Amino acid sequence: MNDPSAKQRTSAFKWRSKQELYNYFEETFGLQKRHVDREILMVRTNFKERKNQTINTAELWQKVGLNLEKKFGGG
């Protein structure tokens, strides 16, 4: 049974791997890997896991990427 009040997470991901994140932010914003890694650490501390499930890394990369775009892309 689906809970209509539960947050729906995306299934369409802009970045499916850490390397895609690195490449995108280096090419688009000139960010080094250490900037992306720092954001990953910050997001992981606040990332809400689904009950009894491990973090879906594609969801993590998506969150990290969106955060970085807001910070550096003005979006």
Protein backbone atom coordinates (compact mmCIF):
# COMPACT_ATOMS: atom_id res chain seq x y z
CA MET A 1 0.00 0.00 0.00
CA ASN A 2 1.41 3.39 -1.00
CA ASP A 3 1.33 6.30 1.40
CA PRO A 4 0.18 9.35 -0.59
CA SER A 5 1.90 11.67 1.88
CA ALA A 6 5.28 9.98 1.40
CA LYS A 7 7.84 11.95 -0.58
CA GLN A 8 8.35 10.65 -4.06
CA ARG A 9 11.97 10.45 -5.12
CA THR A 10 13.02 10.80 -8.72
CA SER A 11 13.90 7.90 -10.94
CA ALA A 12 15.39 10.13 -13.67
CA PHE A 13 18.95 10.97 -12.73
CA LYS A 14 21.20 13.57 -14.33
CA TRP A 15 24.33 11.96 -12.82
CA ARG A 16 24.48 8.19 -12.36
CA SER A 17 28.03 7.97 -11.05
CA LYS A 18 30.57 9.92 -9.07
CA GLN A 19 32.75 10.16 -12.18
CA GLU A 20 29.87 11.77 -14.08
CA LEU A 21 29.61 14.33 -11.27
CA TYR A 22 33.34 15.01 -11.37
CA ASN A 23 33.35 15.40 -15.16
CA TYR A 24 30.26 17.62 -15.31
CA PHE A 25 31.36 20.03 -12.59
CA GLU A 26 34.92 20.23 -13.86
CA GLU A 27 33.79 20.96 -17.43
CA THR A 28 30.85 23.22 -16.56
CA PHE A 29 32.08 25.14 -13.51
CA GLY A 30 35.81 24.39 -13.32
CA LEU A 31 35.38 22.64 -9.96
CA GLN A 32 37.99 20.20 -8.75
CA LYS A 33 37.18 16.76 -7.37
CA ARG A 34 37.81 17.98 -3.83
CA HIS A 35 34.87 20.41 -4.15
CA VAL A 36 32.57 17.59 -5.23
CA ASP A 37 33.92 15.30 -2.50
CA ARG A 38 33.31 17.97 0.15
CA GLU A 39 29.70 18.32 -1.00
CA ILE A 40 29.26 14.53 -0.96
CA LEU A 41 30.37 14.44 2.67
CA MET A 42 27.98 17.25 3.61
CA VAL A 43 25.03 15.67 1.81
CA ARG A 44 25.70 12.20 3.26
CA THR A 45 25.40 13.53 6.82
CA ASN A 46 21.86 14.79 6.11
CA PHE A 47 20.71 12.27 3.49
CA LYS A 48 17.52 10.57 4.58
CA GLU A 49 17.68 6.85 3.95
CA ARG A 50 14.60 4.85 3.16
CA LYS A 51 13.59 2.61 6.00
CA ASN A 52 15.80 -0.51 6.18
CA GLN A 53 17.50 0.30 2.87
CA THR A 54 20.98 1.48 2.01
CA ILE A 55 21.56 4.77 0.21
CA ASN A 56 20.83 4.58 -3.49
CA THR A 57 24.03 6.12 -4.87
CA ALA A 58 22.26 7.56 -7.93
CA GLU A 59 19.97 9.47 -5.54
CA LEU A 60 23.00 10.67 -3.60
CA TRP A 61 24.77 11.89 -6.76
CA GLN A 62 21.56 13.63 -7.85
CA LYS A 63 21.27 15.48 -4.54
CA VAL A 64 24.96 16.43 -4.57
CA GLY A 65 24.75 17.65 -8.16
CA LEU A 66 21.65 19.73 -7.57
CA ASN A 67 23.23 21.31 -4.49
CA LEU A 68 26.40 22.17 -6.40
CA GLU A 69 24.43 23.64 -9.30
CA LYS A 70 22.60 25.90 -6.86
CA LYS A 71 25.85 26.99 -5.23
CA PHE A 72 27.93 27.52 -8.36
CA GLY A 73 25.43 27.82 -11.18
CA GLY A 74 23.08 30.34 -9.68
CA GLY A 75 20.18 27.95 -10.29
